[in-house]
Amino acid sequence: MINKKYRRLLFSFLMALFMTFIMSFAITFLNLGFIDTFIYMWITAFYKAFFIAFPIVFFVAPFVTKLVDFLIKKD
């Protein structure tokens, strides 16, 4: 298993990976439909989006966690 000190890094990596994989598919499909070069266009969009999303998730997730903790009603 992976050491817990890498939790934030692993979370950011996986969140960005899944998010960009699904969103790049959806946006590519909505913009182009299933054309002959769909897979190529999708994978191209995916890897470009991932390199943008990963640092954003890494730096924004702690803020979002604190915001959610603030907004959630305390028992």
PDB file of N, CA and C in Angstrom:
ATOM      1  N   MET A   1       0.834  -1.182   0.000  1.00  0.00           N
ATOM      2  CA  MET A   1       0.000   0.000   0.000  1.00  0.00           C
ATOM      3  C   MET A   1       0.885   1.254   0.000  1.00  0.00           C
ATOM      4  N   ILE A   2       0.271   2.365  -0.294  1.00  0.00           N
ATOM      5  CA  ILE A   2       0.993   3.629  -0.395  1.00  0.00           C
ATOM      6  C   ILE A   2       0.980   4.332   0.967  1.00  0.00           C
ATOM      7  N   ASN A   3       2.104   4.926   1.306  1.00  0.00           N
ATOM      8  CA  ASN A   3       2.251   5.640   2.569  1.00  0.00           C
ATOM      9  C   ASN A   3       1.235   6.784   2.646  1.00  0.00           C
ATOM     10  N   LYS A   4       0.659   7.010   3.849  1.00  0.00           N
ATOM     11  CA  LYS A   4      -0.381   8.022   4.012  1.00  0.00           C
ATOM     12  C   LYS A   4       0.125   9.448   3.790  1.00  0.00           C
ATOM     13  N   LYS A   5       1.434   9.658   3.819  1.00  0.00           N
ATOM     14  CA  LYS A   5       1.941  11.010   3.561  1.00  0.00           C
ATOM     15  C   LYS A   5       1.708  11.434   2.103  1.00  0.00           C
ATOM     16  N   TYR A   6       1.416  10.477   1.235  1.00  0.00           N
ATOM     17  CA  TYR A   6       1.137  10.779  -0.176  1.00  0.00           C
ATOM     18  C   TYR A   6      -0.357  10.873  -0.471  1.00  0.00           C
ATOM     19  N   ARG A   7      -1.185  10.915   0.563  1.00  0.00           N
ATOM     20  CA  ARG A   7      -2.637  10.915   0.396  1.00  0.00           C
ATOM     21  C   ARG A   7      -3.107  12.063  -0.498  1.00  0.00           C
ATOM     22  N   ARG A   8      -2.670  13.287  -0.191  1.00  0.00           N
ATOM     23  CA  ARG A   8      -3.110  14.455  -0.959  1.00  0.00           C
ATOM     24  C   ARG A   8      -2.668  14.359  -2.419  1.00  0.00           C
ATOM     25  N   LEU A   9      -1.462  13.920  -2.642  1.00  0.00           N
ATOM     26  CA  LEU A   9      -0.955  13.767  -4.001  1.00  0.00           C
ATOM     27  C   LEU A   9      -1.735  12.698  -4.763  1.00  0.00           C
ATOM     28  N   LEU A  10      -1.972  11.560  -4.127  1.00  0.00           N
ATOM     29  CA  LEU A  10      -2.728  10.474  -4.769  1.00  0.00           C
ATOM     30  C   LEU A  10      -4.169  10.885  -5.017  1.00  0.00           C
ATOM     31  N   PHE A  11      -4.784  11.539  -4.033  1.00  0.00           N
ATOM     32  CA  PHE A  11      -6.154  12.016  -4.215  1.00  0.00           C
ATOM     33  C   PHE A  11      -6.227  12.965  -5.408  1.00  0.00           C
ATOM     34  N   SER A  12      -5.326  13.925  -5.468  1.00  0.00           N
ATOM     35  CA  SER A  12      -5.324  14.900  -6.559  1.00  0.00           C
ATOM     36  C   SER A  12      -5.125  14.222  -7.904  1.00  0.00           C
ATOM     37  N   PHE A  13      -4.194  13.274  -7.949  1.00  0.00           N
ATOM     38  CA  PHE A  13      -3.925  12.560  -9.199  1.00  0.00           C
ATOM     39  C   PHE A  13      -5.162  11.798  -9.671  1.00  0.00           C
ATOM     40  N   LEU A  14      -5.764  11.027  -8.777  1.00  0.00           N
ATOM     41  CA  LEU A  14      -6.924  10.209  -9.164  1.00  0.00           C
ATOM     42  C   LEU A  14      -8.150  11.068  -9.478  1.00  0.00           C
ATOM     43  N   MET A  15      -8.381  12.112  -8.699  1.00  0.00           N
ATOM     44  CA  MET A  15      -9.518  12.992  -8.969  1.00  0.00           C
ATOM     45  C   MET A  15      -9.363  13.658 -10.334  1.00  0.00           C
ATOM     46  N   ALA A  16      -8.189  14.172 -10.617  1.00  0.00           N
ATOM     47  CA  ALA A  16      -7.952  14.803 -11.917  1.00  0.00           C
ATOM     48  C   ALA A  16      -8.053  13.790 -13.042  1.00  0.00           C
ATOM     49  N   LEU A  17      -7.536  12.588 -12.812  1.00  0.00           N
ATOM     50  CA  LEU A  17      -7.577  11.543 -13.830  1.00  0.00           C
ATOM     51  C   LEU A  17      -9.016  11.186 -14.198  1.00  0.00           C
ATOM     52  N   PHE A  18      -9.827  10.857 -13.196  1.00  0.00           N
ATOM     53  CA  PHE A  18     -11.213  10.471 -13.462  1.00  0.00           C
ATOM     54  C   PHE A  18     -12.037  11.630 -14.013  1.00  0.00           C
ATOM     55  N   MET A  19     -11.855  12.803 -13.447  1.00  0.00           N
ATOM     56  CA  MET A  19     -12.614  13.970 -13.880  1.00  0.00           C
ATOM     57  C   MET A  19     -12.314  14.312 -15.341  1.00  0.00           C
ATOM     58  N   THR A  20     -11.040  14.387 -15.694  1.00  0.00           N
ATOM     59  CA  THR A  20     -10.692  14.758 -17.062  1.00  0.00           C
ATOM     60  C   THR A  20     -11.021  13.653 -18.056  1.00  0.00           C
ATOM     61  N   PHE A  21     -10.919  12.394 -17.639  1.00  0.00           N
ATOM     62  CA  PHE A  21     -11.268  11.274 -18.517  1.00  0.00           C
ATOM     63  C   PHE A  21     -12.734  11.358 -18.921  1.00  0.00           C
ATOM     64  N   ILE A  22     -13.602  11.561 -17.943  1.00  0.00           N
ATOM     65  CA  ILE A  22     -15.040  11.606 -18.208  1.00  0.00           C
ATOM     66  C   ILE A  22     -15.443  12.901 -18.902  1.00  0.00           C
ATOM     67  N   MET A  23     -14.955  14.029 -18.405  1.00  0.00           N
ATOM     68  CA  MET A  23     -15.351  15.314 -18.976  1.00  0.00           C
ATOM     69  C   MET A  23     -14.813  15.516 -20.388  1.00  0.00           C
ATOM     70  N   SER A  24     -13.590  15.091 -20.643  1.00  0.00           N
ATOM     71  CA  SER A  24     -13.061  15.247 -22.000  1.00  0.00           C
ATOM     72  C   SER A  24     -13.844  14.384 -22.985  1.00  0.00           C
ATOM     73  N   PHE A  25     -14.272  13.196 -22.538  1.00  0.00           N
ATOM     74  CA  PHE A  25     -15.122  12.352 -23.395  1.00  0.00           C
ATOM     75  C   PHE A  25     -16.432  13.068 -23.698  1.00  0.00           C
ATOM     76  N   ALA A  26     -17.091  13.569 -22.650  1.00  0.00           N
ATOM     77  CA  ALA A  26     -18.394  14.210 -22.816  1.00  0.00           C
ATOM     78  C   ALA A  26     -18.305  15.447 -23.708  1.00  0.00           C
ATOM     79  N   ILE A  27     -17.333  16.299 -23.459  1.00  0.00           N
ATOM     80  CA  ILE A  27     -17.214  17.535 -24.235  1.00  0.00           C
ATOM     81  C   ILE A  27     -16.810  17.244 -25.676  1.00  0.00           C
ATOM     82  N   THR A  28     -15.907  16.294 -25.867  1.00  0.00           N
ATOM     83  CA  THR A  28     -15.524  15.920 -27.229  1.00  0.00           C
ATOM     84  C   THR A  28     -16.723  15.372 -27.985  1.00  0.00           C
ATOM     85  N   PHE A  29     -17.503  14.530 -27.327  1.00  0.00           N
ATOM     86  CA  PHE A  29     -18.700  13.976 -27.971  1.00  0.00           C
ATOM     87  C   PHE A  29     -19.716  15.072 -28.284  1.00  0.00           C
ATOM     88  N   LEU A  30     -19.956  15.965 -27.339  1.00  0.00           N
ATOM     89  CA  LEU A  30     -20.931  17.033 -27.570  1.00  0.00           C
ATOM     90  C   LEU A  30     -20.495  17.973 -28.691  1.00  0.00           C
ATOM     91  N   ASN A  31     -19.201  18.223 -28.799  1.00  0.00           N
ATOM     92  CA  ASN A  31     -18.711  19.134 -29.829  1.00  0.00           C
ATOM     93  C   ASN A  31     -18.589  18.485 -31.206  1.00  0.00           C
ATOM     94  N   LEU A  32     -18.212  17.201 -31.248  1.00  0.00           N
ATOM     95  CA  LEU A  32     -17.905  16.574 -32.524  1.00  0.00           C
ATOM     96  C   LEU A  32     -18.825  15.426 -32.907  1.00  0.00           C
ATOM     97  N   GLY A  33     -19.446  14.790 -31.924  1.00  0.00           N
ATOM     98  CA  GLY A  33     -20.179  13.556 -32.193  1.00  0.00           C
ATOM     99  C   GLY A  33     -19.167  12.436 -32.403  1.00  0.00           C
ATOM    100  N   PHE A  34     -19.678  11.251 -32.743  1.00  0.00           N
ATOM    101  CA  PHE A  34     -18.774  10.113 -32.989  1.00  0.00           C
ATOM    102  C   PHE A  34     -18.284  10.148 -34.432  1.00  0.00           C
ATOM    103  N   ILE A  35     -17.197  10.882 -34.649  1.00  0.00           N
ATOM    104  CA  ILE A  35     -16.595  10.970 -35.975  1.00  0.00           C
ATOM    105  C   ILE A  35     -15.447   9.972 -36.070  1.00  0.00           C
ATOM    106  N   ASP A  36     -14.868   9.848 -37.255  1.00  0.00           N
ATOM    107  CA  ASP A  36     -13.779   8.881 -37.466  1.00  0.00           C
ATOM    108  C   ASP A  36     -12.581   9.121 -36.548  1.00  0.00           C
ATOM    109  N   THR A  37     -12.289  10.354 -36.245  1.00  0.00           N
ATOM    110  CA  THR A  37     -11.117  10.671 -35.425  1.00  0.00           C
ATOM    111  C   THR A  37     -11.486  10.943 -33.959  1.00  0.00           C
ATOM    112  N   PHE A  38     -12.653  10.462 -33.545  1.00  0.00           N
ATOM    113  CA  PHE A  38     -13.128  10.752 -32.186  1.00  0.00           C
ATOM    114  C   PHE A  38     -12.139  10.316 -31.119  1.00  0.00           C
ATOM    115  N   ILE A  39     -11.653   9.090 -31.174  1.00  0.00           N
ATOM    116  CA  ILE A  39     -10.742   8.569 -30.144  1.00  0.00           C
ATOM    117  C   ILE A  39      -9.479   9.435 -30.064  1.00  0.00           C
ATOM    118  N   TYR A  40      -8.914   9.758 -31.207  1.00  0.00           N
ATOM    119  CA  TYR A  40      -7.708  10.590 -31.228  1.00  0.00           C
ATOM    120  C   TYR A  40      -7.985  11.961 -30.609  1.00  0.00           C
ATOM    121  N   MET A  41      -9.086  12.589 -31.005  1.00  0.00           N
ATOM    122  CA  MET A  41      -9.437  13.913 -30.486  1.00  0.00           C
ATOM    123  C   MET A  41      -9.709  13.847 -28.983  1.00  0.00           C
ATOM    124  N   TRP A  42     -10.380  12.791 -28.544  1.00  0.00           N
ATOM    125  CA  TRP A  42     -10.697  12.640 -27.124  1.00  0.00           C
ATOM    126  C   TRP A  42      -9.426  12.463 -26.291  1.00  0.00           C
ATOM    127  N   ILE A  43      -8.552  11.547 -26.715  1.00  0.00           N
ATOM    128  CA  ILE A  43      -7.322  11.299 -25.962  1.00  0.00           C
ATOM    129  C   ILE A  43      -6.441  12.555 -25.936  1.00  0.00           C
ATOM    130  N   THR A  44      -6.397  13.282 -27.033  1.00  0.00           N
ATOM    131  CA  THR A  44      -5.637  14.528 -27.081  1.00  0.00           C
ATOM    132  C   THR A  44      -6.197  15.535 -26.079  1.00  0.00           C
ATOM    133  N   ALA A  45      -7.512  15.678 -26.063  1.00  0.00           N
ATOM    134  CA  ALA A  45      -8.151  16.588 -25.110  1.00  0.00           C
ATOM    135  C   ALA A  45      -7.934  16.110 -23.676  1.00  0.00           C
ATOM    136  N   PHE A  46      -7.999  14.802 -23.469  1.00  0.00           N
ATOM    137  CA  PHE A  46      -7.832  14.235 -22.133  1.00  0.00           C
ATOM    138  C   PHE A  46      -6.460  14.550 -21.552  1.00  0.00           C
ATOM    139  N   TYR A  47      -5.405  14.264 -22.278  1.00  0.00           N
ATOM    140  CA  TYR A  47      -4.083  14.469 -21.681  1.00  0.00           C
ATOM    141  C   TYR A  47      -3.777  15.954 -21.485  1.00  0.00           C
ATOM    142  N   LYS A  48      -4.270  16.809 -22.371  1.00  0.00           N
ATOM    143  CA  LYS A  48      -4.068  18.251 -22.173  1.00  0.00           C
ATOM    144  C   LYS A  48      -4.829  18.729 -20.934  1.00  0.00           C
ATOM    145  N   ALA A  49      -6.063  18.278 -20.792  1.00  0.00           N
ATOM    146  CA  ALA A  49      -6.881  18.677 -19.642  1.00  0.00           C
ATOM    147  C   ALA A  49      -6.302  18.144 -18.346  1.00  0.00           C
ATOM    148  N   PHE A  50      -5.742  16.937 -18.376  1.00  0.00           N
ATOM    149  CA  PHE A  50      -5.187  16.351 -17.163  1.00  0.00           C
ATOM    150  C   PHE A  50      -4.037  17.192 -16.622  1.00  0.00           C
ATOM    151  N   PHE A  51      -3.168  17.660 -17.491  1.00  0.00           N
ATOM    152  CA  PHE A  51      -2.020  18.451 -17.050  1.00  0.00           C
ATOM    153  C   PHE A  51      -2.428  19.822 -16.513  1.00  0.00           C
ATOM    154  N   ILE A  52      -3.623  20.259 -16.854  1.00  0.00           N
ATOM    155  CA  ILE A  52      -4.159  21.488 -16.271  1.00  0.00           C
ATOM    156  C   ILE A  52      -4.891  21.171 -14.971  1.00  0.00           C
ATOM    157  N   ALA A  53      -5.691  20.105 -14.978  1.00  0.00           N
ATOM    158  CA  ALA A  53      -6.533  19.768 -13.825  1.00  0.00           C
ATOM    159  C   ALA A  53      -5.743  19.296 -12.617  1.00  0.00           C
ATOM    160  N   PHE A  54      -4.676  18.541 -12.833  1.00  0.00           N
ATOM    161  CA  PHE A  54      -3.939  17.976 -11.696  1.00  0.00           C
ATOM    162  C   PHE A  54      -3.418  19.042 -10.730  1.00  0.00           C
ATOM    163  N   PRO A  55      -2.700  20.050 -11.190  1.00  0.00           N
ATOM    164  CA  PRO A  55      -2.248  21.068 -10.220  1.00  0.00           C
ATOM    165  C   PRO A  55      -3.407  21.861  -9.617  1.00  0.00           C
ATOM    166  N   ILE A  56      -4.464  22.077 -10.401  1.00  0.00           N
ATOM    167  CA  ILE A  56      -5.617  22.801  -9.859  1.00  0.00           C
ATOM    168  C   ILE A  56      -6.230  22.009  -8.708  1.00  0.00           C
ATOM    169  N   VAL A  57      -6.468  20.722  -8.915  1.00  0.00           N
ATOM    170  CA  VAL A  57      -7.032  19.894  -7.844  1.00  0.00           C
ATOM    171  C   VAL A  57      -6.090  19.858  -6.651  1.00  0.00           C
ATOM    172  N   PHE A  58      -4.809  19.717  -6.903  1.00  0.00           N
ATOM    173  CA  PHE A  58      -3.838  19.634  -5.812  1.00  0.00           C
ATOM    174  C   PHE A  58      -3.891  20.874  -4.918  1.00  0.00           C
ATOM    175  N   PHE A  59      -3.986  22.051  -5.505  1.00  0.00           N
ATOM    176  CA  PHE A  59      -3.958  23.282  -4.722  1.00  0.00           C
ATOM    177  C   PHE A  59      -5.336  23.742  -4.238  1.00  0.00           C
ATOM    178  N   VAL A  60      -6.402  23.369  -4.937  1.00  0.00           N
ATOM    179  CA  VAL A  60      -7.737  23.837  -4.576  1.00  0.00           C
ATOM    180  C   VAL A  60      -8.440  22.890  -3.598  1.00  0.00           C
ATOM    181  N   ALA A  61      -8.148  21.602  -3.633  1.00  0.00           N
ATOM    182  CA  ALA A  61      -8.844  20.626  -2.782  1.00  0.00           C
ATOM    183  C   ALA A  61      -8.780  20.960  -1.295  1.00  0.00           C
ATOM    184  N   PRO A  62      -7.645  21.384  -0.736  1.00  0.00           N
ATOM    185  CA  PRO A  62      -7.642  21.733   0.691  1.00  0.00           C
ATOM    186  C   PRO A  62      -8.591  22.892   1.024  1.00  0.00           C
ATOM    187  N   PHE A  63      -8.663  23.871   0.136  1.00  0.00           N
ATOM    188  CA  PHE A  63      -9.582  24.988   0.335  1.00  0.00           C
ATOM    189  C   PHE A  63     -11.033  24.508   0.286  1.00  0.00           C
ATOM    190  N   VAL A  64     -11.341  23.666  -0.681  1.00  0.00           N
ATOM    191  CA  VAL A  64     -12.700  23.145  -0.819  1.00  0.00           C
ATOM    192  C   VAL A  64     -13.080  22.305   0.398  1.00  0.00           C
ATOM    193  N   THR A  65     -12.144  21.520   0.905  1.00  0.00           N
ATOM    194  CA  THR A  65     -12.396  20.727   2.103  1.00  0.00           C
ATOM    195  C   THR A  65     -12.740  21.633   3.283  1.00  0.00           C
ATOM    196  N   LYS A  66     -11.987  22.699   3.459  1.00  0.00           N
ATOM    197  CA  LYS A  66     -12.263  23.645   4.546  1.00  0.00           C
ATOM    198  C   LYS A  66     -13.596  24.352   4.341  1.00  0.00           C
ATOM    199  N   LEU A  67     -13.909  24.704   3.105  1.00  0.00           N
ATOM    200  CA  LEU A  67     -15.180  25.350   2.803  1.00  0.00           C
ATOM    201  C   LEU A  67     -16.350  24.419   3.110  1.00  0.00           C
ATOM    202  N   VAL A  68     -16.240  23.168   2.716  1.00  0.00           N
ATOM    203  CA  VAL A  68     -17.298  22.189   2.998  1.00  0.00           C
ATOM    204  C   VAL A  68     -17.448  21.997   4.502  1.00  0.00           C
ATOM    205  N   ASP A  69     -16.342  21.877   5.217  1.00  0.00           N
ATOM    206  CA  ASP A  69     -16.402  21.742   6.673  1.00  0.00           C
ATOM    207  C   ASP A  69     -17.098  22.947   7.311  1.00  0.00           C
ATOM    208  N   PHE A  70     -16.858  24.130   6.777  1.00  0.00           N
ATOM    209  CA  PHE A  70     -17.496  25.332   7.291  1.00  0.00           C
ATOM    210  C   PHE A  70     -18.996  25.332   7.007  1.00  0.00           C
ATOM    211  N   LEU A  71     -19.388  24.856   5.826  1.00  0.00           N
ATOM    212  CA  LEU A  71     -20.788  24.912   5.410  1.00  0.00           C
ATOM    213  C   LEU A  71     -21.646  23.789   5.996  1.00  0.00           C
ATOM    214  N   ILE A  72     -21.024  22.707   6.406  1.00  0.00           N
ATOM    215  CA  ILE A  72     -21.777  21.583   6.957  1.00  0.00           C
ATOM    216  C   ILE A  72     -22.226  21.921   8.376  1.00  0.00           C
ATOM    217  N   LYS A  73     -23.491  21.646   8.640  1.00  0.00           N
ATOM    218  CA  LYS A  73     -24.043  21.909   9.965  1.00  0.00           C
ATOM    219  C   LYS A  73     -23.392  21.019  11.009  1.00  0.00           C
ATOM    220  N   LYS A  74     -22.974  21.633  12.077  1.00  0.00           N
ATOM    221  CA  LYS A  74     -22.356  20.891  13.177  1.00  0.00           C
ATOM    222  C   LYS A  74     -23.453  20.222  14.009  1.00  0.00           C
ATOM    223  N   ASP A  75     -23.147  19.045  14.551  1.00  0.00           N
ATOM    224  CA  ASP A  75     -24.135  18.359  15.407  1.00  0.00           C
ATOM    225  C   ASP A  75     -24.193  18.957  16.781  1.00  0.00           C
TER     226      ASP A  75
END
